[in-house]
Amino acid sequence: MNIIKLVSKLQRFFRPELKKNKAHAKELQNILDKLKKKQQALENEILLNQDPELIKLFQTELEIIRMQHQKGIAALHEIYQNIKSLS
């Protein structure tokens, strides 16, 4: 085991918040991936539908998902900054 790996393992041992932040970042990334897939599915539904009321409903839901996605990205950037400062 080289020195870098040893130091990395020691950091994880002495800084459990670093491990928690990395796990939280991974979980948040999975959620963002799901939101992106849902966003693409709604965009496809909007293109395929002819009913204006249904399209309006899909657009409203799409805007909500976009806002959630943007907030998630901002939170993920904060977590990465936190991880960077802890390392």
N, C-alpha and C. Protein backbone atom coordinates (compact mmCIF):
# COMPACT_ATOMS: atom_id res chain seq x y z
N MET A 1 0.86 -1.17 0.00
CA MET A 1 0.00 0.00 0.00
C MET A 1 0.91 1.23 0.00
N ASN A 2 0.62 2.11 -0.92
CA ASN A 2 1.47 3.30 -0.97
C ASN A 2 0.98 4.36 0.01
N ILE A 3 1.75 5.38 0.13
CA ILE A 3 1.50 6.44 1.13
C ILE A 3 0.18 7.16 0.87
N ILE A 4 -0.15 7.42 -0.38
CA ILE A 4 -1.36 8.17 -0.72
C ILE A 4 -2.61 7.39 -0.28
N LYS A 5 -2.63 6.10 -0.56
CA LYS A 5 -3.77 5.29 -0.15
C LYS A 5 -3.88 5.22 1.37
N LEU A 6 -2.76 5.12 2.03
CA LEU A 6 -2.75 5.07 3.48
C LEU A 6 -3.29 6.36 4.08
N VAL A 7 -2.85 7.48 3.56
CA VAL A 7 -3.33 8.79 4.04
C VAL A 7 -4.82 8.93 3.77
N SER A 8 -5.25 8.47 2.60
CA SER A 8 -6.67 8.54 2.26
C SER A 8 -7.51 7.73 3.24
N LYS A 9 -7.05 6.54 3.57
CA LYS A 9 -7.79 5.70 4.52
C LYS A 9 -7.80 6.32 5.91
N LEU A 10 -6.71 6.92 6.30
CA LEU A 10 -6.66 7.58 7.60
C LEU A 10 -7.60 8.78 7.65
N GLN A 11 -7.69 9.52 6.54
CA GLN A 11 -8.61 10.66 6.50
C GLN A 11 -10.04 10.18 6.65
N ARG A 12 -10.40 9.11 5.99
CA ARG A 12 -11.76 8.59 6.12
C ARG A 12 -12.03 8.13 7.55
N PHE A 13 -11.03 7.59 8.18
CA PHE A 13 -11.21 7.12 9.54
C PHE A 13 -11.40 8.28 10.51
N PHE A 14 -10.62 9.32 10.34
CA PHE A 14 -10.69 10.46 11.27
C PHE A 14 -11.72 11.51 10.88
N ARG A 15 -12.22 11.43 9.69
CA ARG A 15 -13.24 12.39 9.23
C ARG A 15 -14.46 11.64 8.70
N PRO A 16 -15.34 11.20 9.58
CA PRO A 16 -16.52 10.46 9.11
C PRO A 16 -17.49 11.34 8.31
N GLU A 17 -17.43 12.66 8.53
CA GLU A 17 -18.33 13.54 7.76
C GLU A 17 -17.96 13.54 6.28
N LEU A 18 -16.70 13.28 5.97
CA LEU A 18 -16.29 13.18 4.57
C LEU A 18 -16.97 11.99 3.91
N LYS A 19 -17.01 10.87 4.62
CA LYS A 19 -17.66 9.67 4.10
C LYS A 19 -19.17 9.91 3.93
N LYS A 20 -19.78 10.58 4.92
CA LYS A 20 -21.21 10.88 4.83
C LYS A 20 -21.51 11.80 3.65
N ASN A 21 -20.65 12.80 3.45
CA ASN A 21 -20.86 13.73 2.34
C ASN A 21 -20.74 13.02 1.00
N LYS A 22 -19.79 12.11 0.89
CA LYS A 22 -19.64 11.37 -0.37
C LYS A 22 -20.84 10.47 -0.63
N ALA A 23 -21.35 9.83 0.42
CA ALA A 23 -22.54 8.99 0.27
C ALA A 23 -23.75 9.83 -0.10
N HIS A 24 -23.87 10.99 0.51
CA HIS A 24 -24.98 11.88 0.21
C HIS A 24 -24.89 12.38 -1.24
N ALA A 25 -23.69 12.67 -1.70
CA ALA A 25 -23.49 13.13 -3.08
C ALA A 25 -23.89 12.04 -4.06
N LYS A 26 -23.53 10.81 -3.76
CA LYS A 26 -23.88 9.69 -4.64
C LYS A 26 -25.39 9.49 -4.70
N GLU A 27 -26.04 9.57 -3.54
CA GLU A 27 -27.49 9.43 -3.48
C GLU A 27 -28.19 10.56 -4.25
N LEU A 28 -27.68 11.76 -4.07
CA LEU A 28 -28.26 12.91 -4.77
C LEU A 28 -28.06 12.79 -6.28
N GLN A 29 -26.93 12.26 -6.70
CA GLN A 29 -26.67 12.07 -8.13
C GLN A 29 -27.66 11.07 -8.72
N ASN A 30 -27.98 10.00 -7.98
CA ASN A 30 -28.98 9.04 -8.45
C ASN A 30 -30.34 9.69 -8.59
N ILE A 31 -30.70 10.52 -7.64
CA ILE A 31 -31.99 11.22 -7.70
C ILE A 31 -32.03 12.16 -8.90
N LEU A 32 -30.93 12.86 -9.15
CA LEU A 32 -30.87 13.77 -10.30
C LEU A 32 -30.99 13.01 -11.61
N ASP A 33 -30.41 11.83 -11.68
CA ASP A 33 -30.54 11.01 -12.88
C ASP A 33 -32.00 10.61 -13.12
N LYS A 34 -32.69 10.24 -12.04
CA LYS A 34 -34.11 9.88 -12.16
C LYS A 34 -34.95 11.07 -12.60
N LEU A 35 -34.64 12.24 -12.03
CA LEU A 35 -35.38 13.45 -12.43
C LEU A 35 -35.15 13.76 -13.91
N LYS A 36 -33.94 13.57 -14.38
CA LYS A 36 -33.62 13.85 -15.78
C LYS A 36 -34.40 12.90 -16.70
N LYS A 37 -34.49 11.63 -16.32
CA LYS A 37 -35.26 10.66 -17.11
C LYS A 37 -36.74 11.02 -17.13
N LYS A 38 -37.25 11.45 -15.99
CA LYS A 38 -38.66 11.83 -15.90
C LYS A 38 -38.92 13.08 -16.74
N GLN A 39 -37.96 13.99 -16.73
CA GLN A 39 -38.08 15.21 -17.53
C GLN A 39 -38.13 14.86 -19.02
N GLN A 40 -37.28 13.96 -19.46
CA GLN A 40 -37.28 13.56 -20.86
C GLN A 40 -38.57 12.86 -21.24
N ALA A 41 -39.11 12.03 -20.35
CA ALA A 41 -40.36 11.35 -20.61
C ALA A 41 -41.51 12.35 -20.75
N LEU A 42 -41.53 13.37 -19.89
CA LEU A 42 -42.58 14.38 -19.99
C LEU A 42 -42.45 15.20 -21.28
N GLU A 43 -41.23 15.50 -21.67
CA GLU A 43 -41.03 16.23 -22.93
C GLU A 43 -41.55 15.42 -24.11
N ASN A 44 -41.32 14.12 -24.07
CA ASN A 44 -41.84 13.26 -25.13
C ASN A 44 -43.36 13.22 -25.11
N GLU A 45 -43.96 13.17 -23.93
CA GLU A 45 -45.42 13.18 -23.82
C GLU A 45 -46.01 14.47 -24.37
N ILE A 46 -45.34 15.56 -24.11
CA ILE A 46 -45.82 16.85 -24.63
C ILE A 46 -45.80 16.85 -26.15
N LEU A 47 -44.76 16.29 -26.73
CA LEU A 47 -44.66 16.25 -28.19
C LEU A 47 -45.69 15.32 -28.82
N LEU A 48 -46.05 14.25 -28.13
CA LEU A 48 -46.97 13.26 -28.70
C LEU A 48 -48.44 13.61 -28.52
N ASN A 49 -48.77 14.43 -27.54
CA ASN A 49 -50.17 14.73 -27.25
C ASN A 49 -50.69 15.90 -28.07
N GLN A 50 -52.00 15.85 -28.32
CA GLN A 50 -52.68 16.92 -29.05
C GLN A 50 -53.61 17.73 -28.14
N ASP A 51 -53.98 17.16 -27.02
CA ASP A 51 -54.92 17.78 -26.10
C ASP A 51 -54.25 18.95 -25.36
N PRO A 52 -54.76 20.19 -25.56
CA PRO A 52 -54.11 21.36 -24.93
C PRO A 52 -54.14 21.33 -23.40
N GLU A 53 -55.19 20.79 -22.82
CA GLU A 53 -55.26 20.73 -21.36
C GLU A 53 -54.21 19.77 -20.80
N LEU A 54 -54.05 18.66 -21.47
CA LEU A 54 -53.06 17.68 -21.06
C LEU A 54 -51.64 18.22 -21.24
N ILE A 55 -51.44 18.93 -22.33
CA ILE A 55 -50.13 19.53 -22.57
C ILE A 55 -49.81 20.56 -21.49
N LYS A 56 -50.79 21.36 -21.11
CA LYS A 56 -50.58 22.36 -20.06
C LYS A 56 -50.25 21.68 -18.74
N LEU A 57 -50.92 20.58 -18.44
CA LEU A 57 -50.65 19.83 -17.22
C LEU A 57 -49.22 19.27 -17.23
N PHE A 58 -48.83 18.71 -18.36
CA PHE A 58 -47.47 18.18 -18.50
C PHE A 58 -46.42 19.28 -18.39
N GLN A 59 -46.71 20.44 -18.96
CA GLN A 59 -45.75 21.55 -18.89
C GLN A 59 -45.58 22.05 -17.46
N THR A 60 -46.67 22.08 -16.71
CA THR A 60 -46.59 22.49 -15.31
C THR A 60 -45.72 21.51 -14.51
N GLU A 61 -45.97 20.23 -14.73
CA GLU A 61 -45.18 19.21 -14.05
C GLU A 61 -43.72 19.26 -14.49
N LEU A 62 -43.49 19.54 -15.75
CA LEU A 62 -42.14 19.65 -16.29
C LEU A 62 -41.38 20.82 -15.65
N GLU A 63 -42.04 21.93 -15.46
CA GLU A 63 -41.41 23.08 -14.81
C GLU A 63 -41.03 22.77 -13.36
N ILE A 64 -41.91 22.05 -12.67
CA ILE A 64 -41.61 21.66 -11.29
C ILE A 64 -40.38 20.76 -11.25
N ILE A 65 -40.32 19.80 -12.16
CA ILE A 65 -39.18 18.88 -12.21
C ILE A 65 -37.90 19.64 -12.56
N ARG A 66 -37.98 20.59 -13.47
CA ARG A 66 -36.80 21.38 -13.82
C ARG A 66 -36.28 22.17 -12.63
N MET A 67 -37.20 22.75 -11.87
CA MET A 67 -36.78 23.51 -10.68
C MET A 67 -36.14 22.58 -9.64
N GLN A 68 -36.73 21.41 -9.44
CA GLN A 68 -36.15 20.45 -8.50
C GLN A 68 -34.76 20.02 -8.95
N HIS A 69 -34.61 19.82 -10.26
CA HIS A 69 -33.32 19.41 -10.81
C HIS A 69 -32.28 20.50 -10.60
N GLN A 70 -32.65 21.75 -10.84
CA GLN A 70 -31.71 22.85 -10.64
C GLN A 70 -31.31 22.99 -9.17
N LYS A 71 -32.27 22.85 -8.27
CA LYS A 71 -31.96 22.92 -6.84
C LYS A 71 -31.05 21.76 -6.43
N GLY A 72 -31.30 20.59 -7.00
CA GLY A 72 -30.47 19.43 -6.71
C GLY A 72 -29.04 19.62 -7.18
N ILE A 73 -28.88 20.21 -8.36
CA ILE A 73 -27.54 20.48 -8.88
C ILE A 73 -26.81 21.47 -7.99
N ALA A 74 -27.52 22.49 -7.55
CA ALA A 74 -26.91 23.48 -6.64
C ALA A 74 -26.48 22.82 -5.33
N ALA A 75 -27.33 21.95 -4.81
CA ALA A 75 -27.00 21.24 -3.56
C ALA A 75 -25.81 20.31 -3.77
N LEU A 76 -25.75 19.67 -4.93
CA LEU A 76 -24.64 18.77 -5.22
C LEU A 76 -23.33 19.54 -5.32
N HIS A 77 -23.37 20.72 -5.91
CA HIS A 77 -22.17 21.55 -5.98
C HIS A 77 -21.71 21.97 -4.58
N GLU A 78 -22.65 22.28 -3.72
CA GLU A 78 -22.30 22.62 -2.34
C GLU A 78 -21.63 21.44 -1.63
N ILE A 79 -22.18 20.26 -1.84
CA ILE A 79 -21.60 19.07 -1.22
C ILE A 79 -20.18 18.84 -1.73
N TYR A 80 -19.99 19.00 -3.04
CA TYR A 80 -18.65 18.82 -3.60
C TYR A 80 -17.67 19.86 -3.05
N GLN A 81 -18.13 21.08 -2.87
CA GLN A 81 -17.28 22.11 -2.28
C GLN A 81 -16.93 21.75 -0.84
N ASN A 82 -17.90 21.21 -0.12
CA ASN A 82 -17.69 20.79 1.26
C ASN A 82 -16.68 19.64 1.32
N ILE A 83 -16.81 18.69 0.40
CA ILE A 83 -15.87 17.57 0.34
C ILE A 83 -14.47 18.07 0.02
N LYS A 84 -14.41 19.02 -0.90
CA LYS A 84 -13.12 19.57 -1.29
C LYS A 84 -12.44 20.29 -0.11
N SER A 85 -13.24 20.99 0.67
CA SER A 85 -12.66 21.72 1.81
C SER A 85 -12.25 20.76 2.93
N LEU A 86 -12.93 19.62 3.06
CA LEU A 86 -12.58 18.65 4.09
C LEU A 86 -11.34 17.84 3.72
N SER A 87 -11.09 17.70 2.44
CA SER A 87 -9.94 16.88 2.00
C SER A 87 -8.63 17.58 2.17
